[in-house]
Amino acid sequence: GVLLGAVEHDPKNGEAWLALANSLVSHADGTISPAASFAFRKAAQAAPQEPGPPFFLGLALAQSGQFAQARRLWADLLARTPADAPWRGDLEDKLRRLDALIVQQEAAAQQR
């Protein structure tokens, strides 16, 4: 209720939309519902240069097993992240881990 009130009060508040999106994903046990997807889109529209919306959408995608989609989001985010950004190292690490998961997933699929 509080988050809905925040986005109703200020529909251009990217942080409120992102908080709502993350809350919806959490309440749905990691599932990205249409409502969560909408909230992620609104967060990205409200703050297109902020790293939060693509980062957290990528995290939700990765947690739900949608590794390729998460990788595309994070690779695009990394490409536009300044070299001195404080979150760059964490994002690079998450991409490396995701790449390893993708390789494992592909290897397991080939063994079938």
PDB file of N, CA and C in Angstrom:
ATOM      1  N   GLY A   1       0.793  -1.191   0.000  1.00  0.00           N
ATOM      2  CA  GLY A   1       0.000   0.000   0.000  1.00  0.00           C
ATOM      3  C   GLY A   1       0.839   1.259   0.000  1.00  0.00           C
ATOM      4  N   VAL A   2       1.898   1.261   0.790  1.00  0.00           N
ATOM      5  CA  VAL A   2       2.751   2.448   0.874  1.00  0.00           C
ATOM      6  C   VAL A   2       3.407   2.716  -0.474  1.00  0.00           C
ATOM      7  N   LEU A   3       3.899   1.672  -1.120  1.00  0.00           N
ATOM      8  CA  LEU A   3       4.578   1.856  -2.410  1.00  0.00           C
ATOM      9  C   LEU A   3       3.598   2.285  -3.493  1.00  0.00           C
ATOM     10  N   LEU A   4       2.407   1.719  -3.475  1.00  0.00           N
ATOM     11  CA  LEU A   4       1.395   2.158  -4.444  1.00  0.00           C
ATOM     12  C   LEU A   4       1.068   3.629  -4.239  1.00  0.00           C
ATOM     13  N   GLY A   5       0.962   4.033  -2.986  1.00  0.00           N
ATOM     14  CA  GLY A   5       0.710   5.438  -2.683  1.00  0.00           C
ATOM     15  C   GLY A   5       1.832   6.331  -3.177  1.00  0.00           C
ATOM     16  N   ALA A   6       3.055   5.858  -3.069  1.00  0.00           N
ATOM     17  CA  ALA A   6       4.205   6.649  -3.514  1.00  0.00           C
ATOM     18  C   ALA A   6       4.188   6.856  -5.021  1.00  0.00           C
ATOM     19  N   VAL A   7       3.878   5.804  -5.789  1.00  0.00           N
ATOM     20  CA  VAL A   7       3.866   5.972  -7.247  1.00  0.00           C
ATOM     21  C   VAL A   7       2.630   6.733  -7.710  1.00  0.00           C
ATOM     22  N   GLU A   8       1.528   6.620  -6.958  1.00  0.00           N
ATOM     23  CA  GLU A   8       0.342   7.418  -7.293  1.00  0.00           C
ATOM     24  C   GLU A   8       0.592   8.892  -7.005  1.00  0.00           C
ATOM     25  N   HIS A   9       1.279   9.168  -5.912  1.00  0.00           N
ATOM     26  CA  HIS A   9       1.584  10.550  -5.539  1.00  0.00           C
ATOM     27  C   HIS A   9       2.573  11.175  -6.517  1.00  0.00           C
ATOM     28  N   ASP A  10       3.571  10.404  -6.950  1.00  0.00           N
ATOM     29  CA  ASP A  10       4.600  10.912  -7.868  1.00  0.00           C
ATOM     30  C   ASP A  10       4.915   9.843  -8.911  1.00  0.00           C
ATOM     31  N   PRO A  11       4.162   9.793 -10.009  1.00  0.00           N
ATOM     32  CA  PRO A  11       4.357   8.752 -11.024  1.00  0.00           C
ATOM     33  C   PRO A  11       5.717   8.796 -11.722  1.00  0.00           C
ATOM     34  N   LYS A  12       6.466   9.847 -11.505  1.00  0.00           N
ATOM     35  CA  LYS A  12       7.796   9.949 -12.122  1.00  0.00           C
ATOM     36  C   LYS A  12       8.915   9.586 -11.154  1.00  0.00           C
ATOM     37  N   ASN A  13       8.563   8.999 -10.018  1.00  0.00           N
ATOM     38  CA  ASN A  13       9.535   8.620  -9.006  1.00  0.00           C
ATOM     39  C   ASN A  13      10.085   7.229  -9.332  1.00  0.00           C
ATOM     40  N   GLY A  14      11.233   7.200  -9.986  1.00  0.00           N
ATOM     41  CA  GLY A  14      11.838   5.937 -10.394  1.00  0.00           C
ATOM     42  C   GLY A  14      12.169   5.028  -9.229  1.00  0.00           C
ATOM     43  N   GLU A  15      12.609   5.603  -8.117  1.00  0.00           N
ATOM     44  CA  GLU A  15      12.943   4.786  -6.955  1.00  0.00           C
ATOM     45  C   GLU A  15      11.705   4.101  -6.387  1.00  0.00           C
ATOM     46  N   ALA A  16      10.589   4.804  -6.380  1.00  0.00           N
ATOM     47  CA  ALA A  16       9.348   4.206  -5.870  1.00  0.00           C
ATOM     48  C   ALA A  16       8.880   3.079  -6.791  1.00  0.00           C
ATOM     49  N   TRP A  17       8.966   3.292  -8.102  1.00  0.00           N
ATOM     50  CA  TRP A  17       8.588   2.230  -9.051  1.00  0.00           C
ATOM     51  C   TRP A  17       9.494   1.018  -8.891  1.00  0.00           C
ATOM     52  N   LEU A  18      10.785   1.268  -8.717  1.00  0.00           N
ATOM     53  CA  LEU A  18      11.727   0.160  -8.551  1.00  0.00           C
ATOM     54  C   LEU A  18      11.448  -0.601  -7.257  1.00  0.00           C
ATOM     55  N   ALA A  19      11.187   0.127  -6.194  1.00  0.00           N
ATOM     56  CA  ALA A  19      10.851  -0.530  -4.919  1.00  0.00           C
ATOM     57  C   ALA A  19       9.580  -1.360  -5.065  1.00  0.00           C
ATOM     58  N   LEU A  20       8.596  -0.833  -5.781  1.00  0.00           N
ATOM     59  CA  LEU A  20       7.359  -1.577  -6.012  1.00  0.00           C
ATOM     60  C   LEU A  20       7.641  -2.838  -6.834  1.00  0.00           C
ATOM     61  N   ALA A  21       8.445  -2.703  -7.883  1.00  0.00           N
ATOM     62  CA  ALA A  21       8.783  -3.866  -8.719  1.00  0.00           C
ATOM     63  C   ALA A  21       9.467  -4.946  -7.890  1.00  0.00           C
ATOM     64  N   ASN A  22      10.471  -4.552  -7.120  1.00  0.00           N
ATOM     65  CA  ASN A  22      11.184  -5.527  -6.288  1.00  0.00           C
ATOM     66  C   ASN A  22      10.266  -6.168  -5.256  1.00  0.00           C
ATOM     67  N   SER A  23       9.371  -5.389  -4.693  1.00  0.00           N
ATOM     68  CA  SER A  23       8.427  -5.922  -3.720  1.00  0.00           C
ATOM     69  C   SER A  23       7.477  -6.932  -4.366  1.00  0.00           C
ATOM     70  N   LEU A  24       7.007  -6.628  -5.559  1.00  0.00           N
ATOM     71  CA  LEU A  24       6.110  -7.544  -6.259  1.00  0.00           C
ATOM     72  C   LEU A  24       6.809  -8.857  -6.595  1.00  0.00           C
ATOM     73  N   VAL A  25       8.070  -8.778  -7.021  1.00  0.00           N
ATOM     74  CA  VAL A  25       8.838  -9.992  -7.318  1.00  0.00           C
ATOM     75  C   VAL A  25       9.032 -10.803  -6.039  1.00  0.00           C
ATOM     76  N   SER A  26       9.371 -10.131  -4.972  1.00  0.00           N
ATOM     77  CA  SER A  26       9.583 -10.817  -3.693  1.00  0.00           C
ATOM     78  C   SER A  26       8.313 -11.497  -3.202  1.00  0.00           C
ATOM     79  N   HIS A  27       7.199 -10.804  -3.282  1.00  0.00           N
ATOM     80  CA  HIS A  27       5.929 -11.375  -2.809  1.00  0.00           C
ATOM     81  C   HIS A  27       5.451 -12.528  -3.688  1.00  0.00           C
ATOM     82  N   ALA A  28       5.942 -12.589  -4.921  1.00  0.00           N
ATOM     83  CA  ALA A  28       5.551 -13.671  -5.837  1.00  0.00           C
ATOM     84  C   ALA A  28       6.620 -14.764  -5.876  1.00  0.00           C
ATOM     85  N   ASP A  29       7.438 -14.823  -4.833  1.00  0.00           N
ATOM     86  CA  ASP A  29       8.482 -15.849  -4.721  1.00  0.00           C
ATOM     87  C   ASP A  29       9.402 -15.883  -5.933  1.00  0.00           C
ATOM     88  N   GLY A  30       9.807 -14.703  -6.403  1.00  0.00           N
ATOM     89  CA  GLY A  30      10.770 -14.610  -7.493  1.00  0.00           C
ATOM     90  C   GLY A  30      10.176 -14.581  -8.882  1.00  0.00           C
ATOM     91  N   THR A  31       8.865 -14.687  -8.984  1.00  0.00           N
ATOM     92  CA  THR A  31       8.209 -14.639 -10.286  1.00  0.00           C
ATOM     93  C   THR A  31       8.034 -13.183 -10.719  1.00  0.00           C
ATOM     94  N   ILE A  32       8.334 -12.930 -11.977  1.00  0.00           N
ATOM     95  CA  ILE A  32       8.144 -11.579 -12.520  1.00  0.00           C
ATOM     96  C   ILE A  32       6.744 -11.525 -13.120  1.00  0.00           C
ATOM     97  N   SER A  33       5.820 -11.046 -12.334  1.00  0.00           N
ATOM     98  CA  SER A  33       4.426 -10.949 -12.764  1.00  0.00           C
ATOM     99  C   SER A  33       4.289  -9.802 -13.770  1.00  0.00           C
ATOM    100  N   PRO A  34       3.177  -9.748 -14.477  1.00  0.00           N
ATOM    101  CA  PRO A  34       2.942  -8.603 -15.359  1.00  0.00           C
ATOM    102  C   PRO A  34       2.999  -7.273 -14.606  1.00  0.00           C
ATOM    103  N   ALA A  35       2.498  -7.249 -13.390  1.00  0.00           N
ATOM    104  CA  ALA A  35       2.543  -6.014 -12.593  1.00  0.00           C
ATOM    105  C   ALA A  35       3.985  -5.627 -12.268  1.00  0.00           C
ATOM    106  N   ALA A  36       4.816  -6.609 -11.926  1.00  0.00           N
ATOM    107  CA  ALA A  36       6.223  -6.326 -11.636  1.00  0.00           C
ATOM    108  C   ALA A  36       6.934  -5.853 -12.892  1.00  0.00           C
ATOM    109  N   SER A  37       6.664  -6.489 -14.011  1.00  0.00           N
ATOM    110  CA  SER A  37       7.257  -6.082 -15.285  1.00  0.00           C
ATOM    111  C   SER A  37       6.875  -4.643 -15.612  1.00  0.00           C
ATOM    112  N   PHE A  38       5.611  -4.303 -15.395  1.00  0.00           N
ATOM    113  CA  PHE A  38       5.146  -2.936 -15.614  1.00  0.00           C
ATOM    114  C   PHE A  38       5.895  -1.960 -14.711  1.00  0.00           C
ATOM    115  N   ALA A  39       6.047  -2.317 -13.454  1.00  0.00           N
ATOM    116  CA  ALA A  39       6.737  -1.437 -12.508  1.00  0.00           C
ATOM    117  C   ALA A  39       8.209  -1.267 -12.885  1.00  0.00           C
ATOM    118  N   PHE A  40       8.869  -2.332 -13.336  1.00  0.00           N
ATOM    119  CA  PHE A  40      10.252  -2.205 -13.802  1.00  0.00           C
ATOM    120  C   PHE A  40      10.331  -1.251 -15.002  1.00  0.00           C
ATOM    121  N   ARG A  41       9.390  -1.383 -15.938  1.00  0.00           N
ATOM    122  CA  ARG A  41       9.382  -0.483 -17.108  1.00  0.00           C
ATOM    123  C   ARG A  41       9.184   0.968 -16.680  1.00  0.00           C
ATOM    124  N   LYS A  42       8.249   1.200 -15.758  1.00  0.00           N
ATOM    125  CA  LYS A  42       8.001   2.561 -15.285  1.00  0.00           C
ATOM    126  C   LYS A  42       9.233   3.124 -14.562  1.00  0.00           C
ATOM    127  N   ALA A  43       9.924   2.285 -13.802  1.00  0.00           N
ATOM    128  CA  ALA A  43      11.150   2.725 -13.120  1.00  0.00           C
ATOM    129  C   ALA A  43      12.204   3.131 -14.147  1.00  0.00           C
ATOM    130  N   ALA A  44      12.363   2.334 -15.193  1.00  0.00           N
ATOM    131  CA  ALA A  44      13.357   2.637 -16.223  1.00  0.00           C
ATOM    132  C   ALA A  44      12.980   3.899 -16.991  1.00  0.00           C
ATOM    133  N   GLN A  45      11.700   4.095 -17.248  1.00  0.00           N
ATOM    134  CA  GLN A  45      11.255   5.306 -17.942  1.00  0.00           C
ATOM    135  C   GLN A  45      11.467   6.543 -17.088  1.00  0.00           C
ATOM    136  N   ALA A  46      11.222   6.422 -15.800  1.00  0.00           N
ATOM    137  CA  ALA A  46      11.344   7.558 -14.895  1.00  0.00           C
ATOM    138  C   ALA A  46      12.800   7.941 -14.651  1.00  0.00           C
ATOM    139  N   ALA A  47      13.700   6.960 -14.716  1.00  0.00           N
ATOM    140  CA  ALA A  47      15.122   7.218 -14.435  1.00  0.00           C
ATOM    141  C   ALA A  47      15.977   6.416 -15.424  1.00  0.00           C
ATOM    142  N   PRO A  48      15.973   6.815 -16.696  1.00  0.00           N
ATOM    143  CA  PRO A  48      16.636   5.995 -17.723  1.00  0.00           C
ATOM    144  C   PRO A  48      18.139   5.825 -17.552  1.00  0.00           C
ATOM    145  N   GLN A  49      18.795   6.719 -16.873  1.00  0.00           N
ATOM    146  CA  GLN A  49      20.248   6.608 -16.696  1.00  0.00           C
ATOM    147  C   GLN A  49      20.643   5.886 -15.413  1.00  0.00           C
ATOM    148  N   GLU A  50      19.680   5.602 -14.570  1.00  0.00           N
ATOM    149  CA  GLU A  50      19.972   4.929 -13.301  1.00  0.00           C
ATOM    150  C   GLU A  50      20.233   3.439 -13.526  1.00  0.00           C
ATOM    151  N   PRO A  51      21.175   2.880 -12.783  1.00  0.00           N
ATOM    152  CA  PRO A  51      21.485   1.456 -12.959  1.00  0.00           C
ATOM    153  C   PRO A  51      20.493   0.515 -12.279  1.00  0.00           C
ATOM    154  N   GLY A  52      19.706   1.014 -11.358  1.00  0.00           N
ATOM    155  CA  GLY A  52      18.829   0.155 -10.572  1.00  0.00           C
ATOM    156  C   GLY A  52      17.830  -0.670 -11.372  1.00  0.00           C
ATOM    157  N   PRO A  53      17.034  -0.036 -12.238  1.00  0.00           N
ATOM    158  CA  PRO A  53      16.026  -0.835 -12.950  1.00  0.00           C
ATOM    159  C   PRO A  53      16.597  -2.005 -13.752  1.00  0.00           C
ATOM    160  N   PRO A  54      17.604  -1.804 -14.617  1.00  0.00           N
ATOM    161  CA  PRO A  54      18.105  -2.981 -15.338  1.00  0.00           C
ATOM    162  C   PRO A  54      18.846  -3.963 -14.433  1.00  0.00           C
ATOM    163  N   PHE A  55      19.502  -3.457 -13.401  1.00  0.00           N
ATOM    164  CA  PHE A  55      20.212  -4.359 -12.500  1.00  0.00           C
ATOM    165  C   PHE A  55      19.237  -5.288 -11.784  1.00  0.00           C
ATOM    166  N   PHE A  56      18.212  -4.705 -11.168  1.00  0.00           N
ATOM    167  CA  PHE A  56      17.294  -5.522 -10.385  1.00  0.00           C
ATOM    168  C   PHE A  56      16.371  -6.375 -11.257  1.00  0.00           C
ATOM    169  N   LEU A  57      16.015  -5.897 -12.445  1.00  0.00           N
ATOM    170  CA  LEU A  57      15.262  -6.745 -13.358  1.00  0.00           C
ATOM    171  C   LEU A  57      16.141  -7.913 -13.792  1.00  0.00           C
ATOM    172  N   GLY A  58      17.407  -7.641 -14.080  1.00  0.00           N
ATOM    173  CA  GLY A  58      18.333  -8.720 -14.424  1.00  0.00           C
ATOM    174  C   GLY A  58      18.481  -9.720 -13.292  1.00  0.00           C
ATOM    175  N   LEU A  59      18.540  -9.236 -12.082  1.00  0.00           N
ATOM    176  CA  LEU A  59      18.634 -10.122 -10.919  1.00  0.00           C
ATOM    177  C   LEU A  59      17.398 -11.013 -10.813  1.00  0.00           C
ATOM    178  N   ALA A  60      16.229 -10.418 -10.990  1.00  0.00           N
ATOM    179  CA  ALA A  60      14.990 -11.198 -10.929  1.00  0.00           C
ATOM    180  C   ALA A  60      14.951 -12.229 -12.057  1.00  0.00           C
ATOM    181  N   LEU A  61      15.387 -11.843 -13.238  1.00  0.00           N
ATOM    182  CA  LEU A  61      15.423 -12.789 -14.361  1.00  0.00           C
ATOM    183  C   LEU A  61      16.378 -13.937 -14.069  1.00  0.00           C
ATOM    184  N   ALA A  62      17.556 -13.613 -13.561  1.00  0.00           N
ATOM    185  CA  ALA A  62      18.546 -14.653 -13.252  1.00  0.00           C
ATOM    186  C   ALA A  62      18.015 -15.598 -12.179  1.00  0.00           C
ATOM    187  N   GLN A  63      17.380 -15.050 -11.163  1.00  0.00           N
ATOM    188  CA  GLN A  63      16.853 -15.877 -10.084  1.00  0.00           C
ATOM    189  C   GLN A  63      15.718 -16.780 -10.561  1.00  0.00           C
ATOM    190  N   SER A  64      15.062 -16.385 -11.639  1.00  0.00           N
ATOM    191  CA  SER A  64      13.977 -17.219 -12.170  1.00  0.00           C
ATOM    192  C   SER A  64      14.466 -18.123 -13.304  1.00  0.00           C
ATOM    193  N   GLY A  65      15.793 -18.174 -13.502  1.00  0.00           N
ATOM    194  CA  GLY A  65      16.365 -19.080 -14.492  1.00  0.00           C
ATOM    195  C   GLY A  65      16.420 -18.543 -15.903  1.00  0.00           C
ATOM    196  N   GLN A  66      16.093 -17.299 -16.099  1.00  0.00           N
ATOM    197  CA  GLN A  66      16.120 -16.679 -17.425  1.00  0.00           C
ATOM    198  C   GLN A  66      17.483 -16.009 -17.629  1.00  0.00           C
ATOM    199  N   PHE A  67      18.513 -16.859 -17.710  1.00  0.00           N
ATOM    200  CA  PHE A  67      19.892 -16.382 -17.710  1.00  0.00           C
ATOM    201  C   PHE A  67      20.241 -15.535 -18.929  1.00  0.00           C
ATOM    202  N   ALA A  68      19.831 -15.932 -20.103  1.00  0.00           N
ATOM    203  CA  ALA A  68      20.189 -15.187 -21.324  1.00  0.00           C
ATOM    204  C   ALA A  68      19.600 -13.775 -21.295  1.00  0.00           C
ATOM    205  N   GLN A  69      18.360 -13.650 -20.847  1.00  0.00           N
ATOM    206  CA  GLN A  69      17.733 -12.332 -20.770  1.00  0.00           C
ATOM    207  C   GLN A  69      18.436 -11.458 -19.733  1.00  0.00           C
ATOM    208  N   ALA A  70      18.767 -12.056 -18.599  1.00  0.00           N
ATOM    209  CA  ALA A  70      19.485 -11.313 -17.560  1.00  0.00           C
ATOM    210  C   ALA A  70      20.838 -10.858 -18.075  1.00  0.00           C
ATOM    211  N   ARG A  71      21.514 -11.733 -18.795  1.00  0.00           N
ATOM    212  CA  ARG A  71      22.841 -11.394 -19.314  1.00  0.00           C
ATOM    213  C   ARG A  71      22.770 -10.216 -20.278  1.00  0.00           C
ATOM    214  N   ARG A  72      21.759 -10.221 -21.149  1.00  0.00           N
ATOM    215  CA  ARG A  72      21.619  -9.099 -22.096  1.00  0.00           C
ATOM    216  C   ARG A  72      21.447  -7.779 -21.353  1.00  0.00           C
ATOM    217  N   LEU A  73      20.596  -7.782 -20.343  1.00  0.00           N
ATOM    218  CA  LEU A  73      20.376  -6.550 -19.567  1.00  0.00           C
ATOM    219  C   LEU A  73      21.660  -6.081 -18.891  1.00  0.00           C
ATOM    220  N   TRP A  74      22.340  -7.026 -18.228  1.00  0.00           N
ATOM    221  CA  TRP A  74      23.548  -6.636 -17.490  1.00  0.00           C
ATOM    222  C   TRP A  74      24.694  -6.254 -18.416  1.00  0.00           C
ATOM    223  N   ALA A  75      24.815  -6.913 -19.554  1.00  0.00           N
ATOM    224  CA  ALA A  75      25.873  -6.541 -20.503  1.00  0.00           C
ATOM    225  C   ALA A  75      25.633  -5.141 -21.034  1.00  0.00           C
ATOM    226  N   ASP A  76      24.385  -4.820 -21.331  1.00  0.00           N
ATOM    227  CA  ASP A  76      24.055  -3.471 -21.786  1.00  0.00           C
ATOM    228  C   ASP A  76      24.329  -2.451 -20.684  1.00  0.00           C
ATOM    229  N   LEU A  77      23.958  -2.787 -19.464  1.00  0.00           N
ATOM    230  CA  LEU A  77      24.221  -1.889 -18.336  1.00  0.00           C
ATOM    231  C   LEU A  77      25.718  -1.687 -18.150  1.00  0.00           C
ATOM    232  N   LEU A  78      26.490  -2.763 -18.234  1.00  0.00           N
ATOM    233  CA  LEU A  78      27.940  -2.643 -18.081  1.00  0.00           C
ATOM    234  C   LEU A  78      28.536  -1.771 -19.178  1.00  0.00           C
ATOM    235  N   ALA A  79      28.038  -1.899 -20.391  1.00  0.00           N
ATOM    236  CA  ALA A  79      28.562  -1.113 -21.518  1.00  0.00           C
ATOM    237  C   ALA A  79      28.371   0.382 -21.298  1.00  0.00           C
ATOM    238  N   ARG A  80      27.347   0.762 -20.564  1.00  0.00           N
ATOM    239  CA  ARG A  80      27.117   2.195 -20.328  1.00  0.00           C
ATOM    240  C   ARG A  80      27.509   2.657 -18.927  1.00  0.00           C
ATOM    241  N   THR A  81      28.135   1.769 -18.177  1.00  0.00           N
ATOM    242  CA  THR A  81      28.586   2.116 -16.829  1.00  0.00           C
ATOM    243  C   THR A  81      29.964   2.747 -16.885  1.00  0.00           C
ATOM    244  N   PRO A  82      30.134   3.911 -16.282  1.00  0.00           N
ATOM    245  CA  PRO A  82      31.464   4.542 -16.252  1.00  0.00           C
ATOM    246  C   PRO A  82      32.488   3.650 -15.555  1.00  0.00           C
ATOM    247  N   ALA A  83      33.721   3.754 -15.990  1.00  0.00           N
ATOM    248  CA  ALA A  83      34.803   2.927 -15.439  1.00  0.00           C
ATOM    249  C   ALA A  83      34.973   3.133 -13.938  1.00  0.00           C
ATOM    250  N   ASP A  84      34.662   4.317 -13.447  1.00  0.00           N
ATOM    251  CA  ASP A  84      34.862   4.600 -12.025  1.00  0.00           C
ATOM    252  C   ASP A  84      33.584   4.457 -11.190  1.00  0.00           C
ATOM    253  N   ALA A  85      32.536   3.900 -11.774  1.00  0.00           N
ATOM    254  CA  ALA A  85      31.288   3.726 -11.023  1.00  0.00           C
ATOM    255  C   ALA A  85      31.509   2.732  -9.880  1.00  0.00           C
ATOM    256  N   PRO A  86      31.017   3.043  -8.697  1.00  0.00           N
ATOM    257  CA  PRO A  86      31.256   2.167  -7.542  1.00  0.00           C
ATOM    258  C   PRO A  86      30.628   0.781  -7.676  1.00  0.00           C
ATOM    259  N   TRP A  87      29.623   0.634  -8.502  1.00  0.00           N
ATOM    260  CA  TRP A  87      28.948  -0.663  -8.663  1.00  0.00           C
ATOM    261  C   TRP A  87      29.504  -1.485  -9.818  1.00  0.00           C
ATOM    262  N   ARG A  88      30.441  -0.939 -10.572  1.00  0.00           N
ATOM    263  CA  ARG A  88      30.947  -1.622 -11.760  1.00  0.00           C
ATOM    264  C   ARG A  88      31.558  -2.993 -11.432  1.00  0.00           C
ATOM    265  N   GLY A  89      32.388  -3.076 -10.407  1.00  0.00           N
ATOM    266  CA  GLY A  89      33.025  -4.336 -10.038  1.00  0.00           C
ATOM    267  C   GLY A  89      32.015  -5.406  -9.672  1.00  0.00           C
ATOM    268  N   ASP A  90      30.987  -5.026  -8.929  1.00  0.00           N
ATOM    269  CA  ASP A  90      29.944  -5.975  -8.546  1.00  0.00           C
ATOM    270  C   ASP A  90      29.200  -6.470  -9.787  1.00  0.00           C
ATOM    271  N   LEU A  91      28.912  -5.564 -10.703  1.00  0.00           N
ATOM    272  CA  LEU A  91      28.218  -5.945 -11.928  1.00  0.00           C
ATOM    273  C   LEU A  91      29.089  -6.876 -12.776  1.00  0.00           C
ATOM    274  N   GLU A  92      30.370  -6.577 -12.879  1.00  0.00           N
ATOM    275  CA  GLU A  92      31.281  -7.455 -13.629  1.00  0.00           C
ATOM    276  C   GLU A  92      31.326  -8.849 -12.999  1.00  0.00           C
ATOM    277  N   ASP A  93      31.360  -8.896 -11.675  1.00  0.00           N
ATOM    278  CA  ASP A  93      31.376 -10.181 -10.969  1.00  0.00           C
ATOM    279  C   ASP A  93      30.092 -10.967 -11.221  1.00  0.00           C
ATOM    280  N   LYS A  94      28.964 -10.292 -11.159  1.00  0.00           N
ATOM    281  CA  LYS A  94      27.693 -10.970 -11.408  1.00  0.00           C
ATOM    282  C   LYS A  94      27.618 -11.483 -12.848  1.00  0.00           C
ATOM    283  N   LEU A  95      28.155 -10.721 -13.786  1.00  0.00           N
ATOM    284  CA  LEU A  95      28.172 -11.187 -15.178  1.00  0.00           C
ATOM    285  C   LEU A  95      29.055 -12.416 -15.338  1.00  0.00           C
ATOM    286  N   ARG A  96      30.199 -12.437 -14.676  1.00  0.00           N
ATOM    287  CA  ARG A  96      31.066 -13.625 -14.735  1.00  0.00           C
ATOM    288  C   ARG A  96      30.354 -14.851 -14.174  1.00  0.00           C
ATOM    289  N   ARG A  97      29.685 -14.673 -13.050  1.00  0.00           N
ATOM    290  CA  ARG A  97      28.946 -15.792 -12.447  1.00  0.00           C
ATOM    291  C   ARG A  97      27.813 -16.263 -13.356  1.00  0.00           C
ATOM    292  N   LEU A  98      27.149 -15.310 -13.950  1.00  0.00           N
ATOM    293  CA  LEU A  98      26.056 -15.648 -14.852  1.00  0.00           C
ATOM    294  C   LEU A  98      26.578 -16.385 -16.081  1.00  0.00           C
ATOM    295  N   ASP A  99      27.699 -15.941 -16.605  1.00  0.00           N
ATOM    296  CA  ASP A  99      28.316 -16.638 -17.738  1.00  0.00           C
ATOM    297  C   ASP A  99      28.651 -18.079 -17.369  1.00  0.00           C
ATOM    298  N   ALA A 100      29.147 -18.289 -16.165  1.00  0.00           N
ATOM    299  CA  ALA A 100      29.470 -19.646 -15.715  1.00  0.00           C
ATOM    300  C   ALA A 100      28.203 -20.497 -15.625  1.00  0.00           C
ATOM    301  N   LEU A 101      27.115 -19.919 -15.134  1.00  0.00           N
ATOM    302  CA  LEU A 101      25.848 -20.652 -15.064  1.00  0.00           C
ATOM    303  C   LEU A 101      25.332 -21.006 -16.463  1.00  0.00           C
ATOM    304  N   ILE A 102      25.485 -20.078 -17.380  1.00  0.00           N
ATOM    305  CA  ILE A 102      25.041 -20.327 -18.756  1.00  0.00           C
ATOM    306  C   ILE A 102      25.842 -21.465 -19.365  1.00  0.00           C
ATOM    307  N   VAL A 103      27.165 -21.466 -19.139  1.00  0.00           N
ATOM    308  CA  VAL A 103      28.004 -22.557 -19.651  1.00  0.00           C
ATOM    309  C   VAL A 103      27.581 -23.879 -19.045  1.00  0.00           C
ATOM    310  N   GLN A 104      27.339 -23.915 -17.739  1.00  0.00           N
ATOM    311  CA  GLN A 104      26.874 -25.137 -17.072  1.00  0.00           C
ATOM    312  C   GLN A 104      25.545 -25.609 -17.641  1.00  0.00           C
ATOM    313  N   GLN A 105      24.635 -24.666 -17.849  1.00  0.00           N
ATOM    314  CA  GLN A 105      23.313 -24.998 -18.373  1.00  0.00           C
ATOM    315  C   GLN A 105      23.442 -25.588 -19.780  1.00  0.00           C
ATOM    316  N   GLU A 106      24.283 -24.993 -20.613  1.00  0.00           N
ATOM    317  CA  GLU A 106      24.480 -25.496 -21.968  1.00  0.00           C
ATOM    318  C   GLU A 106      25.133 -26.872 -21.967  1.00  0.00           C
ATOM    319  N   ALA A 107      26.093 -27.081 -21.071  1.00  0.00           N
ATOM    320  CA  ALA A 107      26.749 -28.385 -20.971  1.00  0.00           C
ATOM    321  C   ALA A 107      25.758 -29.452 -20.535  1.00  0.00           C
ATOM    322  N   ALA A 108      24.909 -29.127 -19.580  1.00  0.00           N
ATOM    323  CA  ALA A 108      23.908 -30.086 -19.117  1.00  0.00           C
ATOM    324  C   ALA A 108      22.915 -30.405 -20.229  1.00  0.00           C
ATOM    325  N   ALA A 109      22.560 -29.418 -21.015  1.00  0.00           N
ATOM    326  CA  ALA A 109      21.624 -29.651 -22.121  1.00  0.00           C
ATOM    327  C   ALA A 109      22.238 -30.541 -23.185  1.00  0.00           C
ATOM    328  N   GLN A 110      23.529 -30.418 -23.409  1.00  0.00           N
ATOM    329  CA  GLN A 110      24.206 -31.252 -24.414  1.00  0.00           C
ATOM    330  C   GLN A 110      24.330 -32.695 -23.957  1.00  0.00           C
ATOM    331  N   GLN A 111      24.362 -32.938 -22.666  1.00  0.00           N
ATOM    332  CA  GLN A 111      24.485 -34.288 -22.134  1.00  0.00           C
ATOM    333  C   GLN A 111      23.163 -35.049 -22.181  1.00  0.00           C
ATOM    334  N   ARG A 112      22.107 -34.364 -22.436  1.00  0.00           N
ATOM    335  CA  ARG A 112      20.789 -35.027 -22.468  1.00  0.00           C
ATOM    336  C   ARG A 112      20.576 -35.758 -23.742  1.00  0.00           C
TER     337      ARG A 112
END
